[in-house]
Amino acid sequence: MFNHKRISKAAIALMTSVLLIQAVPAHAESVHVAKEGDTFFTLSKQYGVSTDKLMNANKNISPYNIYGGLKITIPGQENKAAAAPAQMKAQENTVKAASLDVNAENKVVQAWGKTFDYSKTINVKATAYSADASENGGWGAVDYFGNPLELGTIAVDPKVIPFGTKVLVTGHSHPGLPKQAFVATALDAGSAIKGNRIDIFIPGSKQFVNSFGFQDVELYVLK
């Protein structure tokens, strides 16, 4: 004869196991192995996670010292093997879809789906700098006002572009910067930055950043 009690207990145990497996959170953390040029900004776009969440999940990592081989925790990721390629493809499509539309008559420029009013445009020669001490006059990774350097900081000649001015930088090309356009603020200066010159801070190694070279870019001075 069958022992119905044992069968029932076995069935209950099996059902409990299934329920426990299903109860495991679908959103689990994953690890990204950094490559040269990675920043919290670019990773947030790649994985669809906010920059704040990334930084909170990696409090032991300085945003100014992300280097190749560094392991970075990506919070709230679904099945990494299946989701990551799809997310990377989506990011690729987003980059390709980026556009810059200018209405010169009304002085309106649109980038990444956002609309900005601008007062004028300035054509400048641009270079880039890193957080390396040799490029910051021994002051460390801070701007002219002592704030930590971050993506979106530019060094200017304050006689041409006053400190605190926000601009939309366009016409640049570098893997450490957003495609097409990005908003920057004049918060730094340098002895070599005179006249129509700017120096763009890019997170990463000195060698990686110096690949920017010299580029002609156009600035839209935002209102």
Protein backbone atom coordinates (compact mmCIF):
# COMPACT_ATOMS: atom_id res chain seq x y z
CA MET A 1 0.00 0.00 0.00
CA PHE A 2 1.05 3.52 -0.66
CA ASN A 3 1.83 5.74 2.31
CA HIS A 4 -0.37 8.76 1.52
CA LYS A 5 1.14 10.79 4.34
CA ARG A 6 4.62 10.44 2.90
CA ILE A 7 3.39 11.28 -0.60
CA SER A 8 1.66 14.40 0.71
CA LYS A 9 4.74 15.52 2.61
CA ALA A 10 6.90 14.97 -0.45
CA ALA A 11 4.50 16.92 -2.62
CA ILE A 12 4.39 19.76 -0.11
CA ALA A 13 8.19 19.84 0.08
CA LEU A 14 8.44 19.96 -3.71
CA MET A 15 5.89 22.77 -3.96
CA THR A 16 7.70 24.71 -1.22
CA SER A 17 11.00 24.38 -3.09
CA VAL A 18 9.40 25.68 -6.28
CA LEU A 19 7.88 28.63 -4.46
CA LEU A 20 11.21 29.47 -2.83
CA ILE A 21 12.98 29.38 -6.19
CA GLN A 22 10.32 31.66 -7.70
CA ALA A 23 10.67 34.01 -4.74
CA VAL A 24 14.32 34.75 -5.53
CA PRO A 25 14.47 38.37 -6.76
CA ALA A 26 14.67 38.70 -10.54
CA HIS A 27 16.70 41.87 -10.12
CA ALA A 28 20.11 40.78 -8.91
CA GLU A 29 23.39 42.62 -8.83
CA SER A 30 25.95 41.88 -11.51
CA VAL A 31 29.57 42.83 -12.04
CA HIS A 32 31.01 44.85 -14.92
CA VAL A 33 34.72 44.59 -15.62
CA ALA A 34 35.76 48.12 -16.55
CA LYS A 35 37.62 48.94 -19.72
CA GLU A 36 39.64 52.07 -20.46
CA GLY A 37 37.34 55.06 -20.82
CA ASP A 38 34.45 53.70 -18.74
CA THR A 39 32.76 56.23 -16.44
CA PHE A 40 29.75 56.01 -14.15
CA PHE A 41 27.93 58.17 -16.72
CA THR A 42 28.62 55.84 -19.67
CA LEU A 43 27.83 52.75 -17.61
CA SER A 44 24.56 54.25 -16.41
CA LYS A 45 23.53 54.64 -20.05
CA GLN A 46 24.78 51.19 -21.03
CA TYR A 47 22.92 49.35 -18.27
CA GLY A 48 19.94 51.65 -17.78
CA VAL A 49 20.82 52.39 -14.15
CA SER A 50 20.95 55.88 -12.68
CA THR A 51 24.37 57.35 -11.95
CA ASP A 52 23.41 57.81 -8.29
CA LYS A 53 22.54 54.11 -7.91
CA LEU A 54 25.83 53.12 -9.52
CA MET A 55 27.86 55.36 -7.23
CA ASN A 56 25.97 54.19 -4.12
CA ALA A 57 26.63 50.57 -5.09
CA ASN A 58 30.34 51.33 -5.53
CA LYS A 59 31.12 53.71 -2.67
CA ASN A 60 34.66 52.38 -2.46
CA ILE A 61 35.39 53.43 -6.06
CA SER A 62 36.36 57.00 -6.91
CA PRO A 63 34.60 58.24 -10.08
CA TYR A 64 37.92 59.80 -11.04
CA ASN A 65 39.88 56.55 -10.83
CA ILE A 66 38.05 54.02 -13.01
CA TYR A 67 40.60 51.92 -14.87
CA GLY A 68 40.68 48.83 -17.05
CA GLY A 69 40.03 45.60 -15.13
CA LEU A 70 38.29 47.29 -12.19
CA LYS A 71 35.19 45.36 -11.07
CA ILE A 72 32.11 47.58 -10.79
CA THR A 73 28.84 46.44 -9.24
CA ILE A 74 25.81 47.04 -11.45
CA PRO A 75 22.73 47.14 -9.18
CA GLY A 76 19.29 45.79 -10.04
CA GLN A 77 20.19 43.85 -13.16
CA GLU A 78 18.01 41.08 -14.58
CA ASN A 79 19.63 37.91 -15.94
CA LYS A 80 22.90 39.45 -17.02
CA ALA A 81 23.61 36.93 -19.77
CA ALA A 82 20.31 37.68 -21.51
CA ALA A 83 19.72 41.30 -20.56
CA ALA A 84 23.15 42.89 -21.02
CA PRO A 85 23.43 42.32 -24.80
CA ALA A 86 19.93 43.70 -25.29
CA GLN A 87 20.74 46.73 -23.17
CA MET A 88 23.98 47.33 -25.06
CA LYS A 89 22.08 47.11 -28.36
CA ALA A 90 19.49 49.57 -27.08
CA GLN A 91 22.28 51.92 -26.02
CA GLU A 92 23.89 51.61 -29.45
CA ASN A 93 20.61 52.53 -31.12
CA THR A 94 20.16 55.48 -28.76
CA VAL A 95 23.61 56.82 -29.61
CA LYS A 96 22.92 56.52 -33.33
CA ALA A 97 19.60 58.28 -32.88
CA ALA A 98 21.12 61.26 -31.12
CA SER A 99 20.47 64.46 -33.05
CA LEU A 100 21.26 68.13 -32.88
CA ASP A 101 18.65 70.44 -34.36
CA VAL A 102 19.26 74.18 -34.41
CA ASN A 103 16.75 76.97 -34.98
CA ALA A 104 19.11 79.90 -35.42
CA GLU A 105 16.30 82.38 -35.96
CA ASN A 106 14.75 81.70 -32.56
CA LYS A 107 18.08 80.71 -30.98
CA VAL A 108 16.91 77.31 -29.88
CA VAL A 109 18.96 74.13 -30.05
CA GLN A 110 17.71 70.60 -29.45
CA ALA A 111 19.93 67.70 -28.42
CA TRP A 112 19.02 64.26 -27.03
CA GLY A 113 15.35 65.23 -27.10
CA LYS A 114 15.90 68.26 -24.86
CA THR A 115 15.43 71.85 -25.98
CA PHE A 116 17.77 74.65 -24.91
CA ASP A 117 17.58 78.40 -25.41
CA TYR A 118 20.93 79.98 -26.20
CA SER A 119 22.18 83.55 -26.46
CA LYS A 120 25.08 83.05 -28.89
CA THR A 121 27.54 80.54 -30.27
CA ILE A 122 31.32 80.55 -29.86
CA ASN A 123 33.80 78.58 -31.96
CA VAL A 124 36.75 77.48 -29.87
CA LYS A 125 39.80 75.24 -29.98
CA ALA A 126 39.37 72.47 -27.42
CA THR A 127 41.77 70.19 -25.57
CA ALA A 128 41.08 67.78 -22.71
CA TYR A 129 42.58 67.03 -19.31
CA SER A 130 42.34 64.30 -16.71
CA ALA A 131 42.45 64.23 -12.90
CA ASP A 132 46.17 63.42 -13.03
CA ALA A 133 48.10 65.71 -10.66
CA SER A 134 50.53 66.66 -13.45
CA GLU A 135 47.64 68.30 -15.32
CA ASN A 136 46.19 70.18 -12.38
CA GLY A 137 49.05 72.31 -11.15
CA GLY A 138 49.51 70.19 -8.05
CA TRP A 139 46.10 71.19 -6.73
CA GLY A 140 44.62 67.74 -7.08
CA ALA A 141 41.42 66.65 -8.80
CA VAL A 142 39.51 69.87 -8.11
CA ASP A 143 38.39 72.82 -10.22
CA TYR A 144 39.22 76.52 -9.76
CA PHE A 145 36.73 76.77 -6.90
CA GLY A 146 37.88 73.63 -5.09
CA ASN A 147 35.00 71.42 -6.25
CA PRO A 148 35.76 67.83 -7.37
CA LEU A 149 36.35 67.56 -11.10
CA GLU A 150 33.49 65.83 -12.90
CA LEU A 151 32.23 65.19 -16.39
CA GLY A 152 30.78 68.51 -17.56
CA THR A 153 33.57 70.67 -16.08
CA ILE A 154 35.46 72.84 -18.56
CA ALA A 155 38.37 75.23 -18.10
CA VAL A 156 37.99 78.59 -19.84
CA ASP A 157 39.44 82.04 -20.18
CA PRO A 158 37.00 83.91 -17.90
CA LYS A 159 37.51 87.06 -19.97
CA VAL A 160 35.87 85.27 -22.90
CA ILE A 161 33.55 82.87 -21.08
CA PRO A 162 32.71 84.00 -17.52
CA PHE A 163 32.89 81.47 -14.69
CA GLY A 164 29.56 79.77 -14.10
CA THR A 165 28.48 79.99 -17.75
CA LYS A 166 26.66 76.90 -18.99
CA VAL A 167 27.29 75.83 -22.57
CA LEU A 168 26.25 73.05 -24.89
CA VAL A 169 29.45 71.57 -26.31
CA THR A 170 29.12 70.23 -29.86
CA GLY A 171 31.38 68.95 -32.62
CA HIS A 172 33.70 66.90 -30.38
CA SER A 173 34.75 63.28 -30.74
CA HIS A 174 36.04 61.12 -27.88
CA PRO A 175 34.86 57.83 -26.29
CA GLY A 176 34.94 59.38 -22.84
CA LEU A 177 32.37 62.04 -23.73
CA PRO A 178 28.66 61.87 -24.63
CA LYS A 179 28.05 61.75 -28.37
CA GLN A 180 26.98 64.80 -30.36
CA ALA A 181 26.53 67.22 -27.46
CA PHE A 182 26.72 67.65 -23.71
CA VAL A 183 26.11 70.43 -21.21
CA ALA A 184 29.19 71.82 -19.49
CA THR A 185 29.86 74.55 -16.96
CA ALA A 186 32.83 76.94 -16.90
CA LEU A 187 34.31 76.11 -13.49
CA ASP A 188 38.02 75.87 -14.15
CA ALA A 189 40.91 77.83 -15.65
CA GLY A 190 44.45 77.21 -16.80
CA SER A 191 47.52 79.20 -17.70
CA ALA A 192 47.40 77.92 -21.29
CA ILE A 193 43.66 78.52 -21.71
CA LYS A 194 43.54 81.97 -23.26
CA GLY A 195 41.13 83.52 -25.75
CA ASN A 196 38.83 81.15 -27.65
CA ARG A 197 40.16 78.03 -25.95
CA ILE A 198 38.58 75.53 -23.60
CA ASP A 199 39.93 72.49 -21.78
CA ILE A 200 37.40 69.68 -21.21
CA PHE A 201 37.70 67.44 -18.16
CA ILE A 202 37.30 63.76 -19.05
CA PRO A 203 37.38 61.01 -16.37
CA GLY A 204 40.02 58.40 -17.12
CA SER A 205 43.75 57.93 -17.37
CA LYS A 206 46.00 60.70 -18.67
CA GLN A 207 46.89 58.63 -21.74
CA PHE A 208 43.23 57.93 -22.54
CA VAL A 209 42.23 61.58 -22.14
CA ASN A 210 45.18 62.95 -24.13
CA SER A 211 43.97 61.03 -27.18
CA PHE A 212 41.46 63.89 -27.53
CA GLY A 213 44.20 66.06 -29.02
CA PHE A 214 43.10 69.43 -30.43
CA GLN A 215 39.60 69.78 -31.82
CA ASP A 216 37.49 72.60 -33.18
CA VAL A 217 34.17 72.66 -31.32
CA GLU A 218 31.17 74.95 -31.21
CA LEU A 219 29.64 76.15 -27.97
CA TYR A 220 26.05 77.23 -27.53
CA VAL A 221 25.96 79.64 -24.59
CA LEU A 222 22.81 78.66 -22.72
CA LYS A 223 20.44 81.15 -21.16
